Amino acid sequence: MAVYCTRCGNALPPSARFCSNCGAAVPVAHIAGKPLMRPRQGRQIAGVCLALSRAYGWDIAAVRILAVVALLLSSGLVGVAYLAAWIGIPEEPTPAPGVYPPGV
């Protein structure tokens, strides 16, 4: 996608923060992603690994395997981080009653 200066119209590289011609700041386009929320369905323990995989587009099996290996190799430090994420990442809101199928 081409990026142009809003002040002078000069073509800029996509990574530019300022126009090289006039010095004006280039606004950064925000790409909306999925919010980091623990889902109610499909989770194994608390949904932390599933929330991370959905928010960042990672494979859920790889995230879970990496979490278990890191837990074993870190002497429990990853377990504390998992508990903190369990507390800190909000849970998905409850769907309205009568909505079928759930999770859609």
PDB file of N, CA and C in Angstrom:
ATOM      1  N   MET A   1       0.842  -1.163   0.000  1.00  0.00           N
ATOM      2  CA  MET A   1       0.000   0.000   0.000  1.00  0.00           C
ATOM      3  C   MET A   1       0.892   1.234   0.000  1.00  0.00           C
ATOM      4  N   ALA A   2       0.611   2.132  -0.893  1.00  0.00           N
ATOM      5  CA  ALA A   2       1.413   3.340  -1.023  1.00  0.00           C
ATOM      6  C   ALA A   2       1.078   4.316   0.100  1.00  0.00           C
ATOM      7  N   VAL A   3       2.107   5.010   0.574  1.00  0.00           N
ATOM      8  CA  VAL A   3       1.937   5.996   1.632  1.00  0.00           C
ATOM      9  C   VAL A   3       2.353   7.351   1.067  1.00  0.00           C
ATOM     10  N   TYR A   4       1.508   8.351   1.282  1.00  0.00           N
ATOM     11  CA  TYR A   4       1.778   9.693   0.789  1.00  0.00           C
ATOM     12  C   TYR A   4       1.668  10.687   1.930  1.00  0.00           C
ATOM     13  N   CYS A   5       2.440  11.759   1.831  1.00  0.00           N
ATOM     14  CA  CYS A   5       2.385  12.832   2.823  1.00  0.00           C
ATOM     15  C   CYS A   5       1.070  13.577   2.666  1.00  0.00           C
ATOM     16  N   THR A   6       0.406  13.872   3.778  1.00  0.00           N
ATOM     17  CA  THR A   6      -0.872  14.584   3.723  1.00  0.00           C
ATOM     18  C   THR A   6      -0.688  16.075   3.486  1.00  0.00           C
ATOM     19  N   ARG A   7       0.516  16.579   3.707  1.00  0.00           N
ATOM     20  CA  ARG A   7       0.764  18.007   3.522  1.00  0.00           C
ATOM     21  C   ARG A   7       1.233  18.330   2.098  1.00  0.00           C
ATOM     22  N   CYS A   8       2.239  17.595   1.585  1.00  0.00           N
ATOM     23  CA  CYS A   8       2.807  17.931   0.279  1.00  0.00           C
ATOM     24  C   CYS A   8       2.533  16.887  -0.801  1.00  0.00           C
ATOM     25  N   GLY A   9       2.040  15.703  -0.445  1.00  0.00           N
ATOM     26  CA  GLY A   9       1.716  14.684  -1.431  1.00  0.00           C
ATOM     27  C   GLY A   9       2.902  13.864  -1.895  1.00  0.00           C
ATOM     28  N   ASN A  10       4.034  13.977  -1.252  1.00  0.00           N
ATOM     29  CA  ASN A  10       5.236  13.236  -1.624  1.00  0.00           C
ATOM     30  C   ASN A  10       5.055  11.753  -1.284  1.00  0.00           C
ATOM     31  N   ALA A  11       5.486  10.867  -2.205  1.00  0.00           N
ATOM     32  CA  ALA A  11       5.422   9.425  -1.955  1.00  0.00           C
ATOM     33  C   ALA A  11       6.470   9.052  -0.913  1.00  0.00           C
ATOM     34  N   LEU A  12       6.068   8.217   0.052  1.00  0.00           N
ATOM     35  CA  LEU A  12       6.944   7.839   1.159  1.00  0.00           C
ATOM     36  C   LEU A  12       7.034   6.326   1.258  1.00  0.00           C
ATOM     37  N   PRO A  13       8.143   5.809   1.826  1.00  0.00           N
ATOM     38  CA  PRO A  13       8.196   4.368   2.092  1.00  0.00           C
ATOM     39  C   PRO A  13       7.214   4.021   3.219  1.00  0.00           C
ATOM     40  N   PRO A  14       6.712   2.784   3.253  1.00  0.00           N
ATOM     41  CA  PRO A  14       5.712   2.410   4.268  1.00  0.00           C
ATOM     42  C   PRO A  14       6.197   2.558   5.706  1.00  0.00           C
ATOM     43  N   SER A  15       7.508   2.522   5.937  1.00  0.00           N
ATOM     44  CA  SER A  15       8.021   2.614   7.300  1.00  0.00           C
ATOM     45  C   SER A  15       8.315   4.046   7.738  1.00  0.00           C
ATOM     46  N   ALA A  16       8.026   5.039   6.892  1.00  0.00           N
ATOM     47  CA  ALA A  16       8.358   6.430   7.204  1.00  0.00           C
ATOM     48  C   ALA A  16       7.476   6.969   8.322  1.00  0.00           C
ATOM     49  N   ARG A  17       8.095   7.738   9.210  1.00  0.00           N
ATOM     50  CA  ARG A  17       7.356   8.400  10.285  1.00  0.00           C
ATOM     51  C   ARG A  17       7.210   9.891  10.027  1.00  0.00           C
ATOM     52  N   PHE A  18       8.130  10.433   9.200  1.00  0.00           N
ATOM     53  CA  PHE A  18       8.104  11.845   8.833  1.00  0.00           C
ATOM     54  C   PHE A  18       8.347  11.972   7.334  1.00  0.00           C
ATOM     55  N   CYS A  19       7.776  13.003   6.740  1.00  0.00           N
ATOM     56  CA  CYS A  19       7.980  13.258   5.317  1.00  0.00           C
ATOM     57  C   CYS A  19       9.397  13.775   5.100  1.00  0.00           C
ATOM     58  N   SER A  20      10.104  13.204   4.116  1.00  0.00           N
ATOM     59  CA  SER A  20      11.473  13.640   3.828  1.00  0.00           C
ATOM     60  C   SER A  20      11.505  14.959   3.069  1.00  0.00           C
ATOM     61  N   ASN A  21      10.365  15.373   2.527  1.00  0.00           N
ATOM     62  CA  ASN A  21      10.311  16.610   1.761  1.00  0.00           C
ATOM     63  C   ASN A  21       9.951  17.809   2.641  1.00  0.00           C
ATOM     64  N   CYS A  22       8.872  17.714   3.406  1.00  0.00           N
ATOM     65  CA  CYS A  22       8.411  18.861   4.201  1.00  0.00           C
ATOM     66  C   CYS A  22       8.576  18.667   5.702  1.00  0.00           C
ATOM     67  N   GLY A  23       8.857  17.448   6.175  1.00  0.00           N
ATOM     68  CA  GLY A  23       9.076  17.198   7.600  1.00  0.00           C
ATOM     69  C   GLY A  23       7.816  16.950   8.406  1.00  0.00           C
ATOM     70  N   ALA A  24       6.670  16.862   7.757  1.00  0.00           N
ATOM     71  CA  ALA A  24       5.409  16.636   8.471  1.00  0.00           C
ATOM     72  C   ALA A  24       5.351  15.202   8.994  1.00  0.00           C
ATOM     73  N   ALA A  25       4.706  15.038  10.139  1.00  0.00           N
ATOM     74  CA  ALA A  25       4.537  13.704  10.716  1.00  0.00           C
ATOM     75  C   ALA A  25       3.530  12.917   9.886  1.00  0.00           C
ATOM     76  N   VAL A  26       3.833  11.646   9.671  1.00  0.00           N
ATOM     77  CA  VAL A  26       2.951  10.764   8.902  1.00  0.00           C
ATOM     78  C   VAL A  26       2.073  10.011   9.897  1.00  0.00           C
ATOM     79  N   PRO A  27       0.746  10.090   9.752  1.00  0.00           N
ATOM     80  CA  PRO A  27      -0.116   9.343  10.675  1.00  0.00           C
ATOM     81  C   PRO A  27       0.052   7.843  10.484  1.00  0.00           C
ATOM     82  N   VAL A  28       0.035   7.112  11.598  1.00  0.00           N
ATOM     83  CA  VAL A  28       0.213   5.665  11.565  1.00  0.00           C
ATOM     84  C   VAL A  28      -1.149   5.016  11.418  1.00  0.00           C
ATOM     85  N   ALA A  29      -1.278   4.137  10.437  1.00  0.00           N
ATOM     86  CA  ALA A  29      -2.528   3.409  10.240  1.00  0.00           C
ATOM     87  C   ALA A  29      -2.624   2.307  11.291  1.00  0.00           C
ATOM     88  N   HIS A  30      -3.742   2.253  11.969  1.00  0.00           N
ATOM     89  CA  HIS A  30      -3.955   1.237  12.999  1.00  0.00           C
ATOM     90  C   HIS A  30      -4.698   0.059  12.388  1.00  0.00           C
ATOM     91  N   ILE A  31      -4.134  -1.127  12.520  1.00  0.00           N
ATOM     92  CA  ILE A  31      -4.767  -2.349  12.035  1.00  0.00           C
ATOM     93  C   ILE A  31      -5.428  -3.025  13.227  1.00  0.00           C
ATOM     94  N   ALA A  32      -6.730  -3.118  13.148  1.00  0.00           N
ATOM     95  CA  ALA A  32      -7.473  -3.706  14.257  1.00  0.00           C
ATOM     96  C   ALA A  32      -7.317  -5.223  14.252  1.00  0.00           C
ATOM     97  N   GLY A  33      -7.006  -5.793  15.412  1.00  0.00           N
ATOM     98  CA  GLY A  33      -6.892  -7.242  15.563  1.00  0.00           C
ATOM     99  C   GLY A  33      -7.969  -7.748  16.503  1.00  0.00           C
ATOM    100  N   LYS A  34      -7.947  -9.005  16.766  1.00  0.00           N
ATOM    101  CA  LYS A  34      -8.904  -9.573  17.703  1.00  0.00           C
ATOM    102  C   LYS A  34      -8.489  -9.175  19.115  1.00  0.00           C
ATOM    103  N   PRO A  35      -9.453  -8.881  19.967  1.00  0.00           N
ATOM    104  CA  PRO A  35      -9.096  -8.521  21.340  1.00  0.00           C
ATOM    105  C   PRO A  35      -8.590  -9.743  22.112  1.00  0.00           C
ATOM    106  N   LEU A  36      -7.773  -9.499  23.095  1.00  0.00           N
ATOM    107  CA  LEU A  36      -7.236 -10.565  23.932  1.00  0.00           C
ATOM    108  C   LEU A  36      -8.267 -10.887  25.009  1.00  0.00           C
ATOM    109  N   MET A  37      -9.042 -11.948  24.776  1.00  0.00           N
ATOM    110  CA  MET A  37     -10.081 -12.380  25.715  1.00  0.00           C
ATOM    111  C   MET A  37     -10.056 -13.892  25.813  1.00  0.00           C
ATOM    112  N   ARG A  38     -10.261 -14.406  27.037  1.00  0.00           N
ATOM    113  CA  ARG A  38     -10.295 -15.858  27.252  1.00  0.00           C
ATOM    114  C   ARG A  38     -11.655 -16.387  26.796  1.00  0.00           C
ATOM    115  N   PRO A  39     -11.666 -17.290  25.803  1.00  0.00           N
ATOM    116  CA  PRO A  39     -12.941 -17.809  25.311  1.00  0.00           C
ATOM    117  C   PRO A  39     -13.581 -18.776  26.298  1.00  0.00           C
ATOM    118  N   ARG A  40     -14.881 -18.935  26.185  1.00  0.00           N
ATOM    119  CA  ARG A  40     -15.614 -19.844  27.062  1.00  0.00           C
ATOM    120  C   ARG A  40     -15.596 -21.271  26.530  1.00  0.00           C
ATOM    121  N   GLN A  41     -15.463 -21.439  25.224  1.00  0.00           N
ATOM    122  CA  GLN A  41     -15.492 -22.773  24.636  1.00  0.00           C
ATOM    123  C   GLN A  41     -14.149 -23.088  24.001  1.00  0.00           C
ATOM    124  N   GLY A  42     -13.729 -24.349  24.123  1.00  0.00           N
ATOM    125  CA  GLY A  42     -12.500 -24.806  23.504  1.00  0.00           C
ATOM    126  C   GLY A  42     -11.272 -24.690  24.385  1.00  0.00           C
ATOM    127  N   ARG A  43     -11.439 -24.238  25.599  1.00  0.00           N
ATOM    128  CA  ARG A  43     -10.278 -24.094  26.473  1.00  0.00           C
ATOM    129  C   ARG A  43     -10.049 -25.361  27.279  1.00  0.00           C
ATOM    130  N   GLN A  44      -8.797 -25.556  27.694  1.00  0.00           N
ATOM    131  CA  GLN A  44      -8.443 -26.754  28.453  1.00  0.00           C
ATOM    132  C   GLN A  44      -8.449 -26.479  29.952  1.00  0.00           C
ATOM    133  N   ILE A  45      -7.729 -25.471  30.410  1.00  0.00           N
ATOM    134  CA  ILE A  45      -7.684 -25.158  31.840  1.00  0.00           C
ATOM    135  C   ILE A  45      -8.377 -23.821  32.082  1.00  0.00           C
ATOM    136  N   ALA A  46      -7.757 -22.738  31.642  1.00  0.00           N
ATOM    137  CA  ALA A  46      -8.344 -21.422  31.863  1.00  0.00           C
ATOM    138  C   ALA A  46      -8.545 -20.648  30.574  1.00  0.00           C
ATOM    139  N   GLY A  47      -8.037 -21.152  29.458  1.00  0.00           N
ATOM    140  CA  GLY A  47      -8.210 -20.471  28.184  1.00  0.00           C
ATOM    141  C   GLY A  47      -7.134 -19.465  27.851  1.00  0.00           C
ATOM    142  N   VAL A  48      -6.040 -19.438  28.612  1.00  0.00           N
ATOM    143  CA  VAL A  48      -4.976 -18.469  28.369  1.00  0.00           C
ATOM    144  C   VAL A  48      -4.264 -18.775  27.052  1.00  0.00           C
ATOM    145  N   CYS A  49      -3.905 -20.019  26.822  1.00  0.00           N
ATOM    146  CA  CYS A  49      -3.218 -20.386  25.572  1.00  0.00           C
ATOM    147  C   CYS A  49      -4.124 -20.160  24.373  1.00  0.00           C
ATOM    148  N   LEU A  50      -5.400 -20.480  24.496  1.00  0.00           N
ATOM    149  CA  LEU A  50      -6.341 -20.279  23.403  1.00  0.00           C
ATOM    150  C   LEU A  50      -6.542 -18.790  23.131  1.00  0.00           C
ATOM    151  N   ALA A  51      -6.579 -17.978  24.177  1.00  0.00           N
ATOM    152  CA  ALA A  51      -6.715 -16.536  23.992  1.00  0.00           C
ATOM    153  C   ALA A  51      -5.507 -15.961  23.258  1.00  0.00           C
ATOM    154  N   LEU A  52      -4.307 -16.385  23.645  1.00  0.00           N
ATOM    155  CA  LEU A  52      -3.104 -15.898  22.967  1.00  0.00           C
ATOM    156  C   LEU A  52      -3.067 -16.353  21.514  1.00  0.00           C
ATOM    157  N   SER A  53      -3.441 -17.604  21.256  1.00  0.00           N
ATOM    158  CA  SER A  53      -3.389 -18.104  19.880  1.00  0.00           C
ATOM    159  C   SER A  53      -4.420 -17.415  18.992  1.00  0.00           C
ATOM    160  N   ARG A  54      -5.592 -17.111  19.516  1.00  0.00           N
ATOM    161  CA  ARG A  54      -6.608 -16.413  18.720  1.00  0.00           C
ATOM    162  C   ARG A  54      -6.238 -14.949  18.486  1.00  0.00           C
ATOM    163  N   ALA A  55      -5.694 -14.293  19.499  1.00  0.00           N
ATOM    164  CA  ALA A  55      -5.382 -12.873  19.367  1.00  0.00           C
ATOM    165  C   ALA A  55      -4.228 -12.621  18.405  1.00  0.00           C
ATOM    166  N   TYR A  56      -3.252 -13.520  18.367  1.00  0.00           N
ATOM    167  CA  TYR A  56      -2.071 -13.293  17.540  1.00  0.00           C
ATOM    168  C   TYR A  56      -1.995 -14.200  16.316  1.00  0.00           C
ATOM    169  N   GLY A  57      -2.989 -15.079  16.119  1.00  0.00           N
ATOM    170  CA  GLY A  57      -3.025 -15.928  14.941  1.00  0.00           C
ATOM    171  C   GLY A  57      -2.047 -17.086  14.970  1.00  0.00           C
ATOM    172  N   TRP A  58      -1.700 -17.566  16.153  1.00  0.00           N
ATOM    173  CA  TRP A  58      -0.769 -18.677  16.298  1.00  0.00           C
ATOM    174  C   TRP A  58      -1.539 -19.991  16.337  1.00  0.00           C
ATOM    175  N   ASP A  59      -0.833 -21.089  16.095  1.00  0.00           N
ATOM    176  CA  ASP A  59      -1.417 -22.416  16.182  1.00  0.00           C
ATOM    177  C   ASP A  59      -1.598 -22.791  17.654  1.00  0.00           C
ATOM    178  N   ILE A  60      -2.797 -23.239  18.025  1.00  0.00           N
ATOM    179  CA  ILE A  60      -3.092 -23.530  19.422  1.00  0.00           C
ATOM    180  C   ILE A  60      -2.260 -24.686  19.954  1.00  0.00           C
ATOM    181  N   ALA A  61      -2.014 -25.696  19.125  1.00  0.00           N
ATOM    182  CA  ALA A  61      -1.210 -26.830  19.587  1.00  0.00           C
ATOM    183  C   ALA A  61       0.217 -26.397  19.895  1.00  0.00           C
ATOM    184  N   ALA A  62       0.776 -25.541  19.055  1.00  0.00           N
ATOM    185  CA  ALA A  62       2.142 -25.055  19.286  1.00  0.00           C
ATOM    186  C   ALA A  62       2.215 -24.211  20.559  1.00  0.00           C
ATOM    187  N   VAL A  63       1.207 -23.394  20.799  1.00  0.00           N
ATOM    188  CA  VAL A  63       1.194 -22.550  22.006  1.00  0.00           C
ATOM    189  C   VAL A  63       1.102 -23.412  23.257  1.00  0.00           C
ATOM    190  N   ARG A  64       0.257 -24.437  23.221  1.00  0.00           N
ATOM    191  CA  ARG A  64       0.103 -25.310  24.392  1.00  0.00           C
ATOM    192  C   ARG A  64       1.370 -26.129  24.654  1.00  0.00           C
ATOM    193  N   ILE A  65       1.974 -26.651  23.590  1.00  0.00           N
ATOM    194  CA  ILE A  65       3.212 -27.420  23.760  1.00  0.00           C
ATOM    195  C   ILE A  65       4.324 -26.520  24.288  1.00  0.00           C
ATOM    196  N   LEU A  66       4.428 -25.320  23.737  1.00  0.00           N
ATOM    197  CA  LEU A  66       5.441 -24.377  24.205  1.00  0.00           C
ATOM    198  C   LEU A  66       5.215 -23.988  25.664  1.00  0.00           C
ATOM    199  N   ALA A  67       3.958 -23.841  26.067  1.00  0.00           N
ATOM    200  CA  ALA A  67       3.655 -23.493  27.456  1.00  0.00           C
ATOM    201  C   ALA A  67       4.055 -24.621  28.407  1.00  0.00           C
ATOM    202  N   VAL A  68       3.789 -25.866  28.035  1.00  0.00           N
ATOM    203  CA  VAL A  68       4.145 -26.998  28.897  1.00  0.00           C
ATOM    204  C   VAL A  68       5.656 -27.150  28.991  1.00  0.00           C
ATOM    205  N   VAL A  69       6.353 -27.054  27.859  1.00  0.00           N
ATOM    206  CA  VAL A  69       7.813 -27.172  27.861  1.00  0.00           C
ATOM    207  C   VAL A  69       8.433 -26.029  28.672  1.00  0.00           C
ATOM    208  N   ALA A  70       7.918 -24.816  28.493  1.00  0.00           N
ATOM    209  CA  ALA A  70       8.444 -23.676  29.247  1.00  0.00           C
ATOM    210  C   ALA A  70       8.164 -23.828  30.737  1.00  0.00           C
ATOM    211  N   LEU A  71       7.015 -24.390  31.092  1.00  0.00           N
ATOM    212  CA  LEU A  71       6.694 -24.625  32.504  1.00  0.00           C
ATOM    213  C   LEU A  71       7.692 -25.599  33.126  1.00  0.00           C
ATOM    214  N   LEU A  72       8.021 -26.652  32.394  1.00  0.00           N
ATOM    215  CA  LEU A  72       8.958 -27.643  32.917  1.00  0.00           C
ATOM    216  C   LEU A  72      10.383 -27.105  33.012  1.00  0.00           C
ATOM    217  N   LEU A  73      10.773 -26.257  32.083  1.00  0.00           N
ATOM    218  CA  LEU A  73      12.144 -25.748  32.056  1.00  0.00           C
ATOM    219  C   LEU A  73      12.364 -24.503  32.917  1.00  0.00           C
ATOM    220  N   SER A  74      11.292 -23.833  33.332  1.00  0.00           N
ATOM    221  CA  SER A  74      11.463 -22.564  34.044  1.00  0.00           C
ATOM    222  C   SER A  74      11.314 -22.673  35.554  1.00  0.00           C
ATOM    223  N   SER A  75      11.228 -23.860  36.081  1.00  0.00           N
ATOM    224  CA  SER A  75      11.072 -24.079  37.522  1.00  0.00           C
ATOM    225  C   SER A  75       9.827 -23.407  38.091  1.00  0.00           C
ATOM    226  N   GLY A  76       8.776 -23.361  37.298  1.00  0.00           N
ATOM    227  CA  GLY A  76       7.515 -22.820  37.785  1.00  0.00           C
ATOM    228  C   GLY A  76       7.269 -21.355  37.498  1.00  0.00           C
ATOM    229  N   LEU A  77       8.224 -20.649  36.928  1.00  0.00           N
ATOM    230  CA  LEU A  77       8.040 -19.223  36.642  1.00  0.00           C
ATOM    231  C   LEU A  77       6.935 -19.011  35.608  1.00  0.00           C
ATOM    232  N   VAL A  78       6.867 -19.881  34.608  1.00  0.00           N
ATOM    233  CA  VAL A  78       5.810 -19.776  33.606  1.00  0.00           C
ATOM    234  C   VAL A  78       4.457 -20.086  34.236  1.00  0.00           C
ATOM    235  N   GLY A  79       4.428 -20.948  35.238  1.00  0.00           N
ATOM    236  CA  GLY A  79       3.186 -21.221  35.959  1.00  0.00           C
ATOM    237  C   GLY A  79       2.653 -19.981  36.654  1.00  0.00           C
ATOM    238  N   VAL A  80       3.535 -19.201  37.233  1.00  0.00           N
ATOM    239  CA  VAL A  80       3.130 -17.943  37.872  1.00  0.00           C
ATOM    240  C   VAL A  80       2.630 -16.959  36.817  1.00  0.00           C
ATOM    241  N   ALA A  81       3.306 -16.912  35.670  1.00  0.00           N
ATOM    242  CA  ALA A  81       2.872 -16.034  34.584  1.00  0.00           C
ATOM    243  C   ALA A  81       1.511 -16.478  34.038  1.00  0.00           C
ATOM    244  N   TYR A  82       1.293 -17.796  33.974  1.00  0.00           N
ATOM    245  CA  TYR A  82       0.000 -18.323  33.518  1.00  0.00           C
ATOM    246  C   TYR A  82      -1.111 -17.905  34.488  1.00  0.00           C
ATOM    247  N   LEU A  83      -0.848 -18.013  35.778  1.00  0.00           N
ATOM    248  CA  LEU A  83      -1.848 -17.583  36.766  1.00  0.00           C
ATOM    249  C   LEU A  83      -2.130 -16.090  36.668  1.00  0.00           C
ATOM    250  N   ALA A  84      -1.085 -15.300  36.439  1.00  0.00           N
ATOM    251  CA  ALA A  84      -1.273 -13.852  36.275  1.00  0.00           C
ATOM    252  C   ALA A  84      -2.098 -13.550  35.028  1.00  0.00           C
ATOM    253  N   ALA A  85      -1.852 -14.299  33.944  1.00  0.00           N
ATOM    254  CA  ALA A  85      -2.637 -14.107  32.726  1.00  0.00           C
ATOM    255  C   ALA A  85      -4.080 -14.555  32.932  1.00  0.00           C
ATOM    256  N   TRP A  86      -4.276 -15.612  33.714  1.00  0.00           N
ATOM    257  CA  TRP A  86      -5.613 -16.102  34.032  1.00  0.00           C
ATOM    258  C   TRP A  86      -6.417 -15.003  34.738  1.00  0.00           C
ATOM    259  N   ILE A  87      -5.753 -14.309  35.640  1.00  0.00           N
ATOM    260  CA  ILE A  87      -6.413 -13.234  36.377  1.00  0.00           C
ATOM    261  C   ILE A  87      -6.547 -11.981  35.523  1.00  0.00           C
ATOM    262  N   GLY A  88      -5.525 -11.684  34.728  1.00  0.00           N
ATOM    263  CA  GLY A  88      -5.480 -10.411  34.008  1.00  0.00           C
ATOM    264  C   GLY A  88      -6.222 -10.358  32.696  1.00  0.00           C
ATOM    265  N   ILE A  89      -6.326 -11.480  31.992  1.00  0.00           N
ATOM    266  CA  ILE A  89      -7.013 -11.473  30.695  1.00  0.00           C
ATOM    267  C   ILE A  89      -8.509 -11.649  30.947  1.00  0.00           C
ATOM    268  N   PRO A  90      -9.329 -10.725  30.461  1.00  0.00           N
ATOM    269  CA  PRO A  90     -10.773 -10.841  30.724  1.00  0.00           C
ATOM    270  C   PRO A  90     -11.401 -12.005  29.973  1.00  0.00           C
ATOM    271  N   GLU A  91     -12.492 -12.508  30.540  1.00  0.00           N
ATOM    272  CA  GLU A  91     -13.209 -13.620  29.926  1.00  0.00           C
ATOM    273  C   GLU A  91     -14.206 -13.076  28.910  1.00  0.00           C
ATOM    274  N   GLU A  92     -14.479 -13.883  27.896  1.00  0.00           N
ATOM    275  CA  GLU A  92     -15.456 -13.510  26.880  1.00  0.00           C
ATOM    276  C   GLU A  92     -16.803 -13.246  27.538  1.00  0.00           C
ATOM    277  N   PRO A  93     -17.544 -12.263  27.049  1.00  0.00           N
ATOM    278  CA  PRO A  93     -18.866 -12.029  27.643  1.00  0.00           C
ATOM    279  C   PRO A  93     -19.810 -13.202  27.387  1.00  0.00           C
ATOM    280  N   THR A  94     -20.736 -13.389  28.292  1.00  0.00           N
ATOM    281  CA  THR A  94     -21.713 -14.466  28.173  1.00  0.00           C
ATOM    282  C   THR A  94     -22.687 -14.126  27.050  1.00  0.00           C
ATOM    283  N   PRO A  95     -22.958 -15.077  26.143  1.00  0.00           N
ATOM    284  CA  PRO A  95     -23.915 -14.798  25.069  1.00  0.00           C
ATOM    285  C   PRO A  95     -25.320 -14.623  25.614  1.00  0.00           C
ATOM    286  N   ALA A  96     -26.137 -13.919  24.854  1.00  0.00           N
ATOM    287  CA  ALA A  96     -27.512 -13.709  25.259  1.00  0.00           C
ATOM    288  C   ALA A  96     -28.270 -15.034  25.283  1.00  0.00           C
ATOM    289  N   PRO A  97     -29.230 -15.187  26.193  1.00  0.00           N
ATOM    290  CA  PRO A  97     -29.983 -16.445  26.239  1.00  0.00           C
ATOM    291  C   PRO A  97     -30.786 -16.643  24.949  1.00  0.00           C
ATOM    292  N   GLY A  98     -30.826 -17.884  24.502  1.00  0.00           N
ATOM    293  CA  GLY A  98     -31.593 -18.204  23.314  1.00  0.00           C
ATOM    294  C   GLY A  98     -30.801 -18.085  22.023  1.00  0.00           C
ATOM    295  N   VAL A  99     -29.541 -17.686  22.105  1.00  0.00           N
ATOM    296  CA  VAL A  99     -28.723 -17.575  20.905  1.00  0.00           C
ATOM    297  C   VAL A  99     -28.195 -18.950  20.568  1.00  0.00           C
ATOM    298  N   TYR A 100     -28.445 -19.384  19.324  1.00  0.00           N
ATOM    299  CA  TYR A 100     -27.962 -20.695  18.907  1.00  0.00           C
ATOM    300  C   TYR A 100     -27.257 -20.549  17.570  1.00  0.00           C
ATOM    301  N   PRO A 101     -26.182 -21.208  17.325  1.00  0.00           N
ATOM    302  CA  PRO A 101     -25.380 -22.036  18.201  1.00  0.00           C
ATOM    303  C   PRO A 101     -24.498 -21.172  19.095  1.00  0.00           C
ATOM    304  N   PRO A 102     -24.135 -21.672  20.264  1.00  0.00           N
ATOM    305  CA  PRO A 102     -23.294 -20.881  21.171  1.00  0.00           C
ATOM    306  C   PRO A 102     -21.911 -20.645  20.575  1.00  0.00           C
ATOM    307  N   GLY A 103     -21.385 -19.471  20.821  1.00  0.00           N
ATOM    308  CA  GLY A 103     -20.045 -19.136  20.352  1.00  0.00           C
ATOM    309  C   GLY A 103     -20.015 -18.560  18.953  1.00  0.00           C
ATOM    310  N   VAL A 104     -21.181 -18.361  18.330  1.00  0.00           N
ATOM    311  CA  VAL A 104     -21.217 -17.817  16.965  1.00  0.00           C
ATOM    312  C   VAL A 104     -21.730 -16.416  16.988  1.00  0.00           C
TER     313      VAL A 104
END
